[in-house]
């Protein structure tokens, strides 16, 4: 199913795929799916999380991660290599020099950071070698809106992660929704937190007079319509999900500046996740 999704995506205009060395066998699947057509796709991957659940941003660990990712991806270069949510002190001058060396050697083409939030993201704007920031941002959580604008001003490539707030903005979740035990959402998205997110969706439906199946369209179009966002990476575990995303991208009218401002103002004033992280 994953290979079907990847092939359908690449055949229908999607050319950037975001992975991680800790996303199961995602890198190996990308390597298999795009064997023989490597020049047709942009592959972004990241490292920093250890098998024990901690984080390691030492040069030796990152070097090993790059070598292992190259092998799994069946390629001799990574288009965008990212660090997964380091603290700013983890991104030392020595580390940046090491990444510059990898770029000169051709093992990676661009270097980026998947940032924790607005403050650490801003700390990277002056670093020329850091060309992309992956930012947590969606209709429920818009705290990082100013960071996206600053990225545009500083010519940083913006990748928006969790555009559907871990699926909440699909509009299909209820208090009876349960996740598979191997799904990371099963550990956090339940009880009061799930209730809070469902209430956010109900507010969206009420304010914009939407049916449940229209919430996803608004959530994605809100991001697709922002010219300062370069890439949006919704997850798709089923081909029908991907087809739905493509329909929204290709068929739905983009929002204008006034409409975007209205939605942003509503989110920042009315939704309870302002000032809070993804799950806290």
C-alpha atoms as a PDB file:
ATOM      1  CA  UNK A   1       0.000   0.000   0.000  1.00  0.00           C
ATOM      2  CA  UNK A   2       2.846   2.396   0.833  1.00  0.00           C
ATOM      3  CA  UNK A   3       4.480   1.766  -2.545  1.00  0.00           C
ATOM      4  CA  UNK A   4       1.153   2.299  -4.316  1.00  0.00           C
ATOM      5  CA  UNK A   5       0.764   5.622  -2.514  1.00  0.00           C
ATOM      6  CA  UNK A   6       4.310   6.723  -3.372  1.00  0.00           C
ATOM      7  CA  UNK A   7       3.987   5.796  -7.050  1.00  0.00           C
ATOM      8  CA  UNK A   8       0.584   7.476  -7.341  1.00  0.00           C
ATOM      9  CA  UNK A   9       1.934  10.605  -5.645  1.00  0.00           C
ATOM     10  CA  UNK A  10       4.945  10.884  -7.936  1.00  0.00           C
ATOM     11  CA  UNK A  11       2.741  10.294 -10.985  1.00  0.00           C
ATOM     12  CA  UNK A  12       0.413  13.105  -9.951  1.00  0.00           C
ATOM     13  CA  UNK A  13       2.744  16.012  -9.367  1.00  0.00           C
ATOM     14  CA  UNK A  14       4.075  15.390  -5.849  1.00  0.00           C
ATOM     15  CA  UNK A  15       7.859  15.453  -5.888  1.00  0.00           C
ATOM     16  CA  UNK A  16       8.989  16.027  -2.271  1.00  0.00           C
ATOM     17  CA  UNK A  17       8.852  13.221   0.282  1.00  0.00           C
ATOM     18  CA  UNK A  18       9.709  13.740   3.948  1.00  0.00           C
ATOM     19  CA  UNK A  19      11.045  10.843   6.001  1.00  0.00           C
ATOM     20  CA  UNK A  20      13.176  10.081   9.046  1.00  0.00           C
ATOM     21  CA  UNK A  21      15.528   7.330  10.099  1.00  0.00           C
ATOM     22  CA  UNK A  22      12.978   6.565  12.828  1.00  0.00           C
ATOM     23  CA  UNK A  23       9.860   6.384  10.637  1.00  0.00           C
ATOM     24  CA  UNK A  24       9.841   2.598  10.514  1.00  0.00           C
ATOM     25  CA  UNK A  25      10.990   1.458   7.075  1.00  0.00           C
ATOM     26  CA  UNK A  26      10.059   4.728   5.346  1.00  0.00           C
ATOM     27  CA  UNK A  27      13.525   5.376   3.939  1.00  0.00           C
ATOM     28  CA  UNK A  28      13.814   1.873   2.488  1.00  0.00           C
ATOM     29  CA  UNK A  29      10.382   2.240   0.891  1.00  0.00           C
ATOM     30  CA  UNK A  30      11.426   5.530  -0.708  1.00  0.00           C
ATOM     31  CA  UNK A  31      14.594   3.896  -1.977  1.00  0.00           C
ATOM     32  CA  UNK A  32      12.593   1.069  -3.529  1.00  0.00           C
ATOM     33  CA  UNK A  33       9.823   3.249  -4.939  1.00  0.00           C
ATOM     34  CA  UNK A  34      12.119   5.717  -6.686  1.00  0.00           C
ATOM     35  CA  UNK A  35      14.890   3.433  -7.850  1.00  0.00           C
ATOM     36  CA  UNK A  36      15.780   4.485 -11.371  1.00  0.00           C
ATOM     37  CA  UNK A  37      14.067   7.869 -11.069  1.00  0.00           C
ATOM     38  CA  UNK A  38      16.078   9.503  -8.301  1.00  0.00           C
ATOM     39  CA  UNK A  39      16.442  12.756 -10.229  1.00  0.00           C
ATOM     40  CA  UNK A  40      12.650  13.121 -10.386  1.00  0.00           C
ATOM     41  CA  UNK A  41      12.070  13.439  -6.639  1.00  0.00           C
ATOM     42  CA  UNK A  42      13.274  15.515  -3.700  1.00  0.00           C
ATOM     43  CA  UNK A  43      13.917  13.423  -0.618  1.00  0.00           C
ATOM     44  CA  UNK A  44      14.052  15.041   2.816  1.00  0.00           C
ATOM     45  CA  UNK A  45      14.997  12.993   5.838  1.00  0.00           C
ATOM     46  CA  UNK A  46      16.114  13.708   9.379  1.00  0.00           C
ATOM     47  CA  UNK A  47      17.970  12.336  12.355  1.00  0.00           C
ATOM     48  CA  UNK A  48      18.670  13.003  16.013  1.00  0.00           C
ATOM     49  CA  UNK A  49      16.357  10.578  17.763  1.00  0.00           C
ATOM     50  CA  UNK A  50      18.079   7.505  19.195  1.00  0.00           C
ATOM     51  CA  UNK A  51      16.714   3.966  19.468  1.00  0.00           C
ATOM     52  CA  UNK A  52      16.441   4.495  23.219  1.00  0.00           C
ATOM     53  CA  UNK A  53      14.130   7.474  22.707  1.00  0.00           C
ATOM     54  CA  UNK A  54      16.676  10.170  23.550  1.00  0.00           C
ATOM     55  CA  UNK A  55      18.344  12.654  21.225  1.00  0.00           C
ATOM     56  CA  UNK A  56      21.921  12.731  19.993  1.00  0.00           C
ATOM     57  CA  UNK A  57      23.336  15.530  17.865  1.00  0.00           C
ATOM     58  CA  UNK A  58      26.995  14.626  18.158  1.00  0.00           C
ATOM     59  CA  UNK A  59      28.972  14.735  14.927  1.00  0.00           C
ATOM     60  CA  UNK A  60      29.836  11.043  15.154  1.00  0.00           C
ATOM     61  CA  UNK A  61      26.181  10.039  15.578  1.00  0.00           C
ATOM     62  CA  UNK A  62      24.975  12.306  12.773  1.00  0.00           C
ATOM     63  CA  UNK A  63      27.694  11.006  10.459  1.00  0.00           C
ATOM     64  CA  UNK A  64      26.522   7.439  11.110  1.00  0.00           C
ATOM     65  CA  UNK A  65      22.911   8.506  10.506  1.00  0.00           C
ATOM     66  CA  UNK A  66      23.805  10.048   7.142  1.00  0.00           C
ATOM     67  CA  UNK A  67      25.645   6.902   6.042  1.00  0.00           C
ATOM     68  CA  UNK A  68      22.766   4.655   7.129  1.00  0.00           C
ATOM     69  CA  UNK A  69      20.123   6.860   5.502  1.00  0.00           C
ATOM     70  CA  UNK A  70      22.029   6.892   2.216  1.00  0.00           C
ATOM     71  CA  UNK A  71      22.136   3.109   2.271  1.00  0.00           C
ATOM     72  CA  UNK A  72      18.442   2.697   3.097  1.00  0.00           C
ATOM     73  CA  UNK A  73      17.418   5.298   0.528  1.00  0.00           C
ATOM     74  CA  UNK A  74      19.555   3.532  -2.085  1.00  0.00           C
ATOM     75  CA  UNK A  75      21.087   6.832  -3.150  1.00  0.00           C
ATOM     76  CA  UNK A  76      24.379   8.684  -3.015  1.00  0.00           C
ATOM     77  CA  UNK A  77      22.877  12.004  -1.901  1.00  0.00           C
ATOM     78  CA  UNK A  78      20.110  13.387   0.305  1.00  0.00           C
ATOM     79  CA  UNK A  79      18.319  16.470  -1.016  1.00  0.00           C
ATOM     80  CA  UNK A  80      17.396  17.941   2.373  1.00  0.00           C
ATOM     81  CA  UNK A  81      19.014  16.563   5.510  1.00  0.00           C
ATOM     82  CA  UNK A  82      17.386  17.827   8.721  1.00  0.00           C
ATOM     83  CA  UNK A  83      18.017  17.632  12.441  1.00  0.00           C
ATOM     84  CA  UNK A  84      14.905  16.581  14.367  1.00  0.00           C
ATOM     85  CA  UNK A  85      14.039  19.251  16.922  1.00  0.00           C
ATOM     86  CA  UNK A  86      17.422  19.984  18.487  1.00  0.00           C
ATOM     87  CA  UNK A  87      17.859  22.597  21.193  1.00  0.00           C
ATOM     88  CA  UNK A  88      19.692  25.631  19.859  1.00  0.00           C
ATOM     89  CA  UNK A  89      22.790  24.772  21.914  1.00  0.00           C
ATOM     90  CA  UNK A  90      22.934  21.418  20.091  1.00  0.00           C
ATOM     91  CA  UNK A  91      23.531  23.217  16.794  1.00  0.00           C
ATOM     92  CA  UNK A  92      27.153  24.194  17.420  1.00  0.00           C
ATOM     93  CA  UNK A  93      29.537  25.943  15.045  1.00  0.00           C
ATOM     94  CA  UNK A  94      31.453  22.668  14.771  1.00  0.00           C
ATOM     95  CA  UNK A  95      28.285  20.873  13.706  1.00  0.00           C
ATOM     96  CA  UNK A  96      27.518  23.509  11.091  1.00  0.00           C
ATOM     97  CA  UNK A  97      31.039  23.150   9.699  1.00  0.00           C
ATOM     98  CA  UNK A  98      30.526  19.395   9.531  1.00  0.00           C
ATOM     99  CA  UNK A  99      27.294  19.879   7.583  1.00  0.00           C
ATOM    100  CA  UNK A 100      29.055  22.314   5.253  1.00  0.00           C
ATOM    101  CA  UNK A 101      31.680  19.629   4.612  1.00  0.00           C
ATOM    102  CA  UNK A 102      28.953  17.130   3.713  1.00  0.00           C
ATOM    103  CA  UNK A 103      27.439  19.602   1.274  1.00  0.00           C
ATOM    104  CA  UNK A 104      30.813  20.176  -0.392  1.00  0.00           C
ATOM    105  CA  UNK A 105      31.316  16.409  -0.640  1.00  0.00           C
ATOM    106  CA  UNK A 106      27.856  16.009  -2.190  1.00  0.00           C
ATOM    107  CA  UNK A 107      26.424  13.611   0.405  1.00  0.00           C
ATOM    108  CA  UNK A 108      23.718  16.161   1.171  1.00  0.00           C
ATOM    109  CA  UNK A 109      22.519  19.041  -0.979  1.00  0.00           C
ATOM    110  CA  UNK A 110      20.718  21.188   1.575  1.00  0.00           C
ATOM    111  CA  UNK A 111      20.693  21.315   5.366  1.00  0.00           C
ATOM    112  CA  UNK A 112      17.679  22.118   7.519  1.00  0.00           C
ATOM    113  CA  UNK A 113      16.205  21.964  11.007  1.00  0.00           C
ATOM    114  CA  UNK A 114      12.874  20.592  12.177  1.00  0.00           C
ATOM    115  CA  UNK A 115      12.293  23.250  14.814  1.00  0.00           C
ATOM    116  CA  UNK A 116      10.620  23.032  18.202  1.00  0.00           C
ATOM    117  CA  UNK A 117       8.921  26.403  18.006  1.00  0.00           C
ATOM    118  CA  UNK A 118       9.108  30.098  17.218  1.00  0.00           C
ATOM    119  CA  UNK A 119      12.019  31.035  19.492  1.00  0.00           C
ATOM    120  CA  UNK A 120      14.488  28.403  18.378  1.00  0.00           C
ATOM    121  CA  UNK A 121      13.355  28.800  14.780  1.00  0.00           C
ATOM    122  CA  UNK A 122      14.242  32.484  14.862  1.00  0.00           C
ATOM    123  CA  UNK A 123      17.707  31.612  16.167  1.00  0.00           C
ATOM    124  CA  UNK A 124      18.476  29.815  12.896  1.00  0.00           C
ATOM    125  CA  UNK A 125      17.395  32.585  10.522  1.00  0.00           C
ATOM    126  CA  UNK A 126      20.839  34.189  10.418  1.00  0.00           C
ATOM    127  CA  UNK A 127      22.618  30.891   9.690  1.00  0.00           C
ATOM    128  CA  UNK A 128      23.229  30.816   5.938  1.00  0.00           C
ATOM    129  CA  UNK A 129      23.943  27.086   5.828  1.00  0.00           C
ATOM    130  CA  UNK A 130      20.510  26.334   7.347  1.00  0.00           C
ATOM    131  CA  UNK A 131      18.345  26.608   4.247  1.00  0.00           C
ATOM    132  CA  UNK A 132      15.078  25.055   5.427  1.00  0.00           C
ATOM    133  CA  UNK A 133      12.966  24.968   8.563  1.00  0.00           C
ATOM    134  CA  UNK A 134      10.304  22.343   9.227  1.00  0.00           C
ATOM    135  CA  UNK A 135       7.636  24.027  11.326  1.00  0.00           C
ATOM    136  CA  UNK A 136       4.651  22.737  13.310  1.00  0.00           C
ATOM    137  CA  UNK A 137       1.678  24.754  12.060  1.00  0.00           C
ATOM    138  CA  UNK A 138      -1.975  24.078  11.340  1.00  0.00           C
ATOM    139  CA  UNK A 139      -5.450  25.570  11.656  1.00  0.00           C
ATOM    140  CA  UNK A 140      -5.628  24.655  15.354  1.00  0.00           C
ATOM    141  CA  UNK A 141      -2.056  25.682  16.205  1.00  0.00           C
ATOM    142  CA  UNK A 142      -0.984  28.974  14.603  1.00  0.00           C
ATOM    143  CA  UNK A 143       1.574  30.222  17.122  1.00  0.00           C
ATOM    144  CA  UNK A 144       4.367  29.832  14.579  1.00  0.00           C
ATOM    145  CA  UNK A 145       2.717  32.121  12.027  1.00  0.00           C
ATOM    146  CA  UNK A 146       5.235  34.925  12.550  1.00  0.00           C
ATOM    147  CA  UNK A 147       8.130  32.485  12.149  1.00  0.00           C
ATOM    148  CA  UNK A 148       6.838  31.502   8.703  1.00  0.00           C
ATOM    149  CA  UNK A 149       6.814  35.160   7.689  1.00  0.00           C
ATOM    150  CA  UNK A 150      10.352  35.642   8.974  1.00  0.00           C
ATOM    151  CA  UNK A 151      11.498  32.616   6.999  1.00  0.00           C
ATOM    152  CA  UNK A 152      10.170  34.223   3.826  1.00  0.00           C
ATOM    153  CA  UNK A 153      12.017  37.431   4.649  1.00  0.00           C
ATOM    154  CA  UNK A 154      15.231  35.493   5.217  1.00  0.00           C
ATOM    155  CA  UNK A 155      14.745  33.226   2.181  1.00  0.00           C
ATOM    156  CA  UNK A 156      14.396  30.036   4.184  1.00  0.00           C
ATOM    157  CA  UNK A 157      12.477  27.110   2.687  1.00  0.00           C
ATOM    158  CA  UNK A 158       9.407  26.309   4.831  1.00  0.00           C
ATOM    159  CA  UNK A 159       8.107  22.775   5.318  1.00  0.00           C
ATOM    160  CA  UNK A 160       4.905  22.618   7.389  1.00  0.00           C
ATOM    161  CA  UNK A 161       4.509  19.449   9.430  1.00  0.00           C
ATOM    162  CA  UNK A 162       1.358  18.074  11.078  1.00  0.00           C
ATOM    163  CA  UNK A 163      -0.949  20.160   8.859  1.00  0.00           C
ATOM    164  CA  UNK A 164      -3.933  18.159  10.120  1.00  0.00           C
ATOM    165  CA  UNK A 165      -2.904  18.211  13.806  1.00  0.00           C
ATOM    166  CA  UNK A 166      -2.261  14.461  13.910  1.00  0.00           C
ATOM    167  CA  UNK A 167      -5.435  13.817  11.940  1.00  0.00           C
ATOM    168  CA  UNK A 168      -7.757  15.800  14.195  1.00  0.00           C
ATOM    169  CA  UNK A 169      -8.510  18.196  11.340  1.00  0.00           C
ATOM    170  CA  UNK A 170      -9.801  15.380   9.170  1.00  0.00           C
ATOM    171  CA  UNK A 171     -13.046  16.083  11.019  1.00  0.00           C
ATOM    172  CA  UNK A 172     -13.664  12.387  11.627  1.00  0.00           C
ATOM    173  CA  UNK A 173     -12.492  11.935  15.231  1.00  0.00           C
ATOM    174  CA  UNK A 174     -14.914  11.349  18.096  1.00  0.00           C
ATOM    175  CA  UNK A 175     -14.446  10.538  21.775  1.00  0.00           C
ATOM    176  CA  UNK A 176     -14.657   6.884  20.751  1.00  0.00           C
ATOM    177  CA  UNK A 177     -11.698   7.156  18.382  1.00  0.00           C
ATOM    178  CA  UNK A 178      -8.927   4.744  19.299  1.00  0.00           C
ATOM    179  CA  UNK A 179      -5.516   4.294  17.716  1.00  0.00           C
ATOM    180  CA  UNK A 180      -3.451   1.186  17.188  1.00  0.00           C
ATOM    181  CA  UNK A 181      -0.962   0.556  19.996  1.00  0.00           C
ATOM    182  CA  UNK A 182       1.976   1.093  17.629  1.00  0.00           C
ATOM    183  CA  UNK A 183       0.576   4.516  16.673  1.00  0.00           C
ATOM    184  CA  UNK A 184       2.258   7.261  18.714  1.00  0.00           C
ATOM    185  CA  UNK A 185      -1.097   9.046  19.007  1.00  0.00           C
ATOM    186  CA  UNK A 186      -2.414   6.206  21.165  1.00  0.00           C
ATOM    187  CA  UNK A 187      -0.207   7.372  24.038  1.00  0.00           C
ATOM    188  CA  UNK A 188      -1.410  10.942  24.134  1.00  0.00           C
ATOM    189  CA  UNK A 189      -4.487  11.627  22.020  1.00  0.00           C
ATOM    190  CA  UNK A 190      -7.242  10.419  24.331  1.00  0.00           C
ATOM    191  CA  UNK A 191      -9.290  11.638  27.284  1.00  0.00           C
ATOM    192  CA  UNK A 192      -9.194  15.374  27.988  1.00  0.00           C
ATOM    193  CA  UNK A 193      -6.724  16.122  25.208  1.00  0.00           C
ATOM    194  CA  UNK A 194      -8.819  14.372  22.576  1.00  0.00           C
ATOM    195  CA  UNK A 195     -11.911  16.154  23.934  1.00  0.00           C
ATOM    196  CA  UNK A 196     -10.123  19.514  23.658  1.00  0.00           C
ATOM    197  CA  UNK A 197      -9.164  18.912  20.030  1.00  0.00           C
ATOM    198  CA  UNK A 198     -12.634  17.714  19.078  1.00  0.00           C
ATOM    199  CA  UNK A 199     -14.062  20.869  20.648  1.00  0.00           C
ATOM    200  CA  UNK A 200     -11.708  22.901  18.450  1.00  0.00           C
ATOM    201  CA  UNK A 201     -13.080  21.150  15.373  1.00  0.00           C
ATOM    202  CA  UNK A 202     -16.641  21.820  16.514  1.00  0.00           C
ATOM    203  CA  UNK A 203     -15.814  25.520  16.849  1.00  0.00           C
ATOM    204  CA  UNK A 204     -14.386  25.515  13.322  1.00  0.00           C
ATOM    205  CA  UNK A 205     -17.480  23.814  11.937  1.00  0.00           C
ATOM    206  CA  UNK A 206     -19.792  26.240  13.724  1.00  0.00           C
ATOM    207  CA  UNK A 207     -17.887  29.422  12.842  1.00  0.00           C
ATOM    208  CA  UNK A 208     -17.419  28.603   9.150  1.00  0.00           C
ATOM    209  CA  UNK A 209     -20.701  26.676   8.757  1.00  0.00           C
ATOM    210  CA  UNK A 210     -18.977  23.475   7.682  1.00  0.00           C
ATOM    211  CA  UNK A 211     -19.916  19.830   7.573  1.00  0.00           C
ATOM    212  CA  UNK A 212     -17.442  17.411   9.151  1.00  0.00           C
ATOM    213  CA  UNK A 213     -16.002  16.367   5.775  1.00  0.00           C
ATOM    214  CA  UNK A 214     -15.340  20.028   4.868  1.00  0.00           C
ATOM    215  CA  UNK A 215     -12.996  20.685   7.792  1.00  0.00           C
ATOM    216  CA  UNK A 216     -10.083  18.932   6.090  1.00  0.00           C
ATOM    217  CA  UNK A 217     -10.563  21.022   2.957  1.00  0.00           C
ATOM    218  CA  UNK A 218     -10.407  24.267   4.930  1.00  0.00           C
ATOM    219  CA  UNK A 219      -7.442  23.084   6.999  1.00  0.00           C
ATOM    220  CA  UNK A 220      -5.334  22.172   3.971  1.00  0.00           C
ATOM    221  CA  UNK A 221      -6.434  25.080   1.796  1.00  0.00           C
ATOM    222  CA  UNK A 222      -5.513  27.459   4.625  1.00  0.00           C
ATOM    223  CA  UNK A 223      -1.926  26.214   4.208  1.00  0.00           C
ATOM    224  CA  UNK A 224      -1.926  25.761   0.426  1.00  0.00           C
ATOM    225  CA  UNK A 225      -3.064  29.384   0.041  1.00  0.00           C
ATOM    226  CA  UNK A 226      -0.193  30.851   2.071  1.00  0.00           C
ATOM    227  CA  UNK A 227       2.529  31.898  -0.420  1.00  0.00           C
ATOM    228  CA  UNK A 228       5.149  31.880   2.349  1.00  0.00           C
ATOM    229  CA  UNK A 229       4.748  28.114   2.852  1.00  0.00           C
ATOM    230  CA  UNK A 230       6.761  26.058   0.364  1.00  0.00           C
ATOM    231  CA  UNK A 231       5.700  22.516   1.251  1.00  0.00           C
ATOM    232  CA  UNK A 232       2.878  20.924   3.240  1.00  0.00           C
ATOM    233  CA  UNK A 233       3.371  17.296   4.342  1.00  0.00           C
ATOM    234  CA  UNK A 234       0.093  15.599   5.327  1.00  0.00           C
ATOM    235  CA  UNK A 235       0.447  11.905   6.053  1.00  0.00           C
ATOM    236  CA  UNK A 236      -1.424   9.390   3.912  1.00  0.00           C
ATOM    237  CA  UNK A 237      -1.779   5.794   5.042  1.00  0.00           C
ATOM    238  CA  UNK A 238      -4.424   5.068   2.399  1.00  0.00           C
ATOM    239  CA  UNK A 239      -4.505   5.907  -1.285  1.00  0.00           C
ATOM    240  CA  UNK A 240      -7.943   7.513  -0.937  1.00  0.00           C
ATOM    241  CA  UNK A 241      -6.518  10.007   1.552  1.00  0.00           C
ATOM    242  CA  UNK A 242      -3.864  11.052  -0.938  1.00  0.00           C
ATOM    243  CA  UNK A 243      -6.428  11.388  -3.713  1.00  0.00           C
ATOM    244  CA  UNK A 244      -8.490  13.636  -1.459  1.00  0.00           C
ATOM    245  CA  UNK A 245      -5.477  15.858  -0.723  1.00  0.00           C
ATOM    246  CA  UNK A 246      -4.741  16.148  -4.441  1.00  0.00           C
ATOM    247  CA  UNK A 247      -8.344  17.087  -5.199  1.00  0.00           C
ATOM    248  CA  UNK A 248      -8.172  19.865  -2.623  1.00  0.00           C
ATOM    249  CA  UNK A 249      -4.854  21.102  -3.982  1.00  0.00           C
ATOM    250  CA  UNK A 250      -5.853  20.968  -7.634  1.00  0.00           C
ATOM    251  CA  UNK A 251      -9.576  21.790  -7.602  1.00  0.00           C
ATOM    252  CA  UNK A 252     -10.316  24.083  -4.639  1.00  0.00           C
ATOM    253  CA  UNK A 253      -9.983  27.837  -5.121  1.00  0.00           C
ATOM    254  CA  UNK A 254      -7.085  29.343  -3.177  1.00  0.00           C
ATOM    255  CA  UNK A 255      -8.031  31.733  -0.373  1.00  0.00           C
ATOM    256  CA  UNK A 256      -7.226  35.414  -0.745  1.00  0.00           C
ATOM    257  CA  UNK A 257      -5.401  37.575   1.819  1.00  0.00           C
ATOM    258  CA  UNK A 258      -8.592  38.775   3.510  1.00  0.00           C
ATOM    259  CA  UNK A 259      -9.898  35.231   3.880  1.00  0.00           C
ATOM    260  CA  UNK A 260      -6.574  34.004   5.231  1.00  0.00           C
ATOM    261  CA  UNK A 261      -6.538  36.819   7.777  1.00  0.00           C
ATOM    262  CA  UNK A 262     -10.085  36.034   8.887  1.00  0.00           C
ATOM    263  CA  UNK A 263      -9.197  32.382   9.469  1.00  0.00           C
ATOM    264  CA  UNK A 264      -5.949  33.236  11.253  1.00  0.00           C
ATOM    265  CA  UNK A 265      -7.680  35.778  13.508  1.00  0.00           C
ATOM    266  CA  UNK A 266     -10.339  33.217  14.395  1.00  0.00           C
ATOM    267  CA  UNK A 267      -7.773  30.542  15.174  1.00  0.00           C
ATOM    268  CA  UNK A 268      -5.657  32.781  17.367  1.00  0.00           C
ATOM    269  CA  UNK A 269      -8.644  34.189  19.244  1.00  0.00           C
ATOM    270  CA  UNK A 270     -10.950  31.194  19.583  1.00  0.00           C
ATOM    271  CA  UNK A 271      -9.027  27.917  19.494  1.00  0.00           C
ATOM    272  CA  UNK A 272      -7.668  26.564  22.760  1.00  0.00           C
ATOM    273  CA  UNK A 273      -4.295  25.365  21.473  1.00  0.00           C
ATOM    274  CA  UNK A 274      -2.729  28.804  21.220  1.00  0.00           C
ATOM    275  CA  UNK A 275       0.509  28.896  23.168  1.00  0.00           C
ATOM    276  CA  UNK A 276       0.564  25.135  23.614  1.00  0.00           C
ATOM    277  CA  UNK A 277       2.610  22.387  22.001  1.00  0.00           C
ATOM    278  CA  UNK A 278       1.196  19.650  19.800  1.00  0.00           C
ATOM    279  CA  UNK A 279       0.096  17.372  22.612  1.00  0.00           C
ATOM    280  CA  UNK A 280       0.369  19.426  25.804  1.00  0.00           C
END
